[in-house]
Amino acid sequence: MAALATAEVCDSNAPLLLNGDLRVLQPIFQIYGQSRAFFGPIVTLKVFEDNVLVRELLETRGEGRVLVIDGGGSMRCALVGGNLGQLAQTMGWAGIVVNGCIRDVDEINVCDIGVRALASHPLKSSKKRTGEVHGPIHIGGAMIRDGEWLYADSDGILVSKSELSV
């Protein structure tokens, strides 16, 4: 299935927007990576200035999923860099959304995945292996749960309780 246009999804799904089954993330994310539009089931991760669990998840088969990382909005270091972007592409992830920073932007921009992040930062994160996998997270003004669906394009990012059809 081709990626859905987020503006069209919003226009044709007013009841889902009203009842909260479809949410629009605040327009705070910058666009990186080759895939300007991407979608897939969500895997959630909550970490703070520590990317060990990010690597561990991206080392698993992505199968078209999207890793959504609540990095606490930290602007003090990067959670994803060029090596992890390449790993995500190799392992079949559709995309990564980071409520925090990335680095190695030029390397990430040649990866055939979609990446959204608040900004770039040259400093790498710590390596303590702390965080929570598969729990609910709150980013971009919306609650996001593991297994929901994310749709992203140049207009924005949507999160849906279930898979949407054309």
Protein backbone atom coordinates (compact mmCIF):
# COMPACT_ATOMS: atom_id res chain seq x y z
CA MET A 1 0.00 0.00 0.00
CA ALA A 2 1.24 3.49 -0.82
CA ALA A 3 1.63 6.02 1.94
CA LEU A 4 -1.54 7.98 2.61
CA ALA A 5 -1.57 11.75 2.23
CA THR A 6 -2.02 13.07 5.76
CA ALA A 7 -4.09 16.09 4.66
CA GLU A 8 -6.52 13.84 2.80
CA VAL A 9 -6.71 11.46 5.77
CA CYS A 10 -7.63 14.38 8.03
CA ASP A 11 -10.24 15.66 5.56
CA SER A 12 -11.94 12.28 5.23
CA ASN A 13 -11.78 11.11 8.84
CA ALA A 14 -13.39 13.85 10.94
CA PRO A 15 -15.20 11.35 13.24
CA LEU A 16 -11.90 9.61 14.07
CA LEU A 17 -10.26 12.96 14.80
CA LEU A 18 -13.14 13.94 17.07
CA ASN A 19 -13.15 10.73 19.10
CA GLY A 20 -9.34 10.60 19.41
CA ASP A 21 -8.80 7.42 17.39
CA LEU A 22 -6.81 9.57 14.94
CA ARG A 23 -4.40 12.17 16.32
CA VAL A 24 -2.26 14.82 14.64
CA LEU A 25 1.16 15.45 16.20
CA GLN A 26 2.18 19.06 16.71
CA PRO A 27 4.34 20.41 13.82
CA ILE A 28 7.59 20.35 15.80
CA PHE A 29 9.52 17.70 13.86
CA GLN A 30 12.13 18.29 11.17
CA ILE A 31 12.23 15.98 8.13
CA TYR A 32 15.28 13.78 7.47
CA GLY A 33 16.03 10.66 5.44
CA GLN A 34 15.15 9.71 1.86
CA SER A 35 11.56 8.65 2.57
CA ARG A 36 9.59 11.87 2.80
CA ALA A 37 6.42 9.82 3.37
CA PHE A 38 6.29 6.63 5.41
CA PHE A 39 3.90 4.64 7.56
CA GLY A 40 3.72 1.52 9.66
CA PRO A 41 2.81 -0.03 12.99
CA ILE A 42 4.44 1.73 15.94
CA VAL A 43 7.02 0.41 18.37
CA THR A 44 7.33 2.77 21.33
CA LEU A 45 10.44 3.52 23.35
CA LYS A 46 11.00 5.96 26.21
CA VAL A 47 14.60 6.92 26.97
CA PHE A 48 16.47 9.98 28.18
CA GLU A 49 19.89 10.85 26.74
CA ASP A 50 20.69 7.13 26.41
CA ASN A 51 20.44 5.24 23.11
CA VAL A 52 21.39 1.65 24.01
CA LEU A 53 17.76 0.48 23.76
CA VAL A 54 17.40 2.38 20.47
CA ARG A 55 20.20 0.28 18.98
CA GLU A 56 18.81 -2.95 20.46
CA LEU A 57 15.40 -2.35 18.87
CA LEU A 58 16.85 -1.32 15.50
CA GLU A 59 18.92 -4.53 15.48
CA THR A 60 15.64 -6.49 15.29
CA ARG A 61 13.75 -7.02 12.05
CA GLY A 62 11.73 -3.89 11.39
CA GLU A 63 9.17 -5.47 9.05
CA GLY A 64 7.94 -2.03 7.99
CA ARG A 65 7.40 -0.75 11.53
CA VAL A 66 8.11 2.75 12.81
CA LEU A 67 10.18 3.30 15.96
CA VAL A 68 8.76 6.21 17.95
CA ILE A 69 11.20 7.40 20.60
CA ASP A 70 10.22 9.67 23.46
CA GLY A 71 13.58 11.18 24.29
CA GLY A 72 12.02 13.66 26.69
CA GLY A 73 12.55 16.44 24.16
CA SER A 74 16.20 16.65 25.20
CA MET A 75 18.26 19.06 23.13
CA ARG A 76 21.54 18.10 24.86
CA CYS A 77 22.58 15.07 22.77
CA ALA A 78 21.57 12.87 19.84
CA LEU A 79 19.72 9.55 20.18
CA VAL A 80 20.09 8.42 16.55
CA GLY A 81 23.08 8.85 14.24
CA GLY A 82 24.19 7.71 10.81
CA ASN A 83 25.10 4.17 11.90
CA LEU A 84 21.66 3.64 13.44
CA GLY A 85 19.98 5.14 10.38
CA GLN A 86 21.82 2.67 8.17
CA LEU A 87 20.98 -0.17 10.56
CA ALA A 88 17.28 0.78 10.48
CA GLN A 89 17.33 0.72 6.68
CA THR A 90 19.15 -2.63 6.55
CA MET A 91 16.77 -4.22 9.06
CA GLY A 92 13.62 -3.08 7.24
CA TRP A 93 12.28 -0.31 9.47
CA ALA A 94 10.00 2.17 7.66
CA GLY A 95 10.96 5.09 9.85
CA ILE A 96 12.04 6.63 13.13
CA VAL A 97 10.41 9.52 14.99
CA VAL A 98 12.51 11.07 17.75
CA ASN A 99 11.21 13.45 20.40
CA GLY A 100 14.79 14.61 20.73
CA CYS A 101 17.82 15.03 18.49
CA ILE A 102 19.68 13.09 15.81
CA ARG A 103 23.19 13.56 14.44
CA ASP A 104 25.13 12.67 11.28
CA VAL A 105 22.39 14.38 9.27
CA ASP A 106 24.19 13.97 5.93
CA GLU A 107 24.48 10.21 6.54
CA ILE A 108 20.85 9.89 7.64
CA ASN A 109 19.67 11.87 4.63
CA VAL A 110 21.01 9.19 2.25
CA CYS A 111 19.27 6.35 4.14
CA ASP A 112 16.13 4.96 2.50
CA ILE A 113 13.94 5.46 5.57
CA GLY A 114 11.90 8.30 6.99
CA VAL A 115 13.24 10.14 10.02
CA ARG A 116 11.63 12.91 12.03
CA ALA A 117 13.36 14.63 14.95
CA LEU A 118 13.25 17.94 16.79
CA ALA A 119 16.75 18.97 15.68
CA SER A 120 20.31 17.80 15.14
CA HIS A 121 23.03 17.81 17.77
CA PRO A 122 26.67 16.65 17.38
CA LEU A 123 27.03 15.07 20.84
CA LYS A 124 26.33 11.34 21.22
CA SER A 125 24.20 10.03 24.07
CA SER A 126 25.23 8.06 27.13
CA LYS A 127 25.24 4.25 27.18
CA LYS A 128 23.50 3.19 30.40
CA ARG A 129 20.72 0.99 28.92
CA THR A 130 17.89 2.71 30.75
CA GLY A 131 14.40 3.21 29.42
CA GLU A 132 11.06 1.58 28.75
CA VAL A 133 10.11 -0.41 25.64
CA HIS A 134 6.52 -0.87 24.39
CA GLY A 135 4.91 1.47 26.95
CA PRO A 136 2.62 4.40 26.24
CA ILE A 137 4.41 7.67 25.47
CA HIS A 138 3.28 11.27 25.09
CA ILE A 139 4.96 13.32 22.36
CA GLY A 140 3.91 16.10 20.03
CA GLY A 141 0.80 16.73 22.12
CA ALA A 142 -0.55 13.19 21.70
CA MET A 143 -0.60 9.91 23.55
CA ILE A 144 0.94 7.12 21.47
CA ARG A 145 0.65 3.41 22.19
CA ASP A 146 2.70 0.49 20.96
CA GLY A 147 0.93 -1.20 18.03
CA GLU A 148 -0.91 1.89 16.80
CA TRP A 149 -0.18 3.16 13.26
CA LEU A 150 1.87 6.17 12.24
CA TYR A 151 1.53 8.02 8.92
CA ALA A 152 4.01 10.76 8.03
CA ASP A 153 4.52 12.96 4.99
CA SER A 154 5.63 16.51 4.24
CA ASP A 155 2.44 17.91 5.80
CA GLY A 156 2.79 16.22 9.17
CA ILE A 157 2.46 13.12 11.32
CA LEU A 158 -0.71 11.22 12.18
CA VAL A 159 -1.20 8.45 14.73
CA SER A 160 -4.15 6.12 14.31
CA LYS A 161 -5.55 3.55 16.72
CA SER A 162 -5.81 1.14 13.77
CA GLU A 163 -4.51 0.79 10.23
CA LEU A 164 -6.14 3.19 7.78
CA SER A 165 -7.14 2.32 4.22
CA VAL A 166 -7.13 4.49 1.12
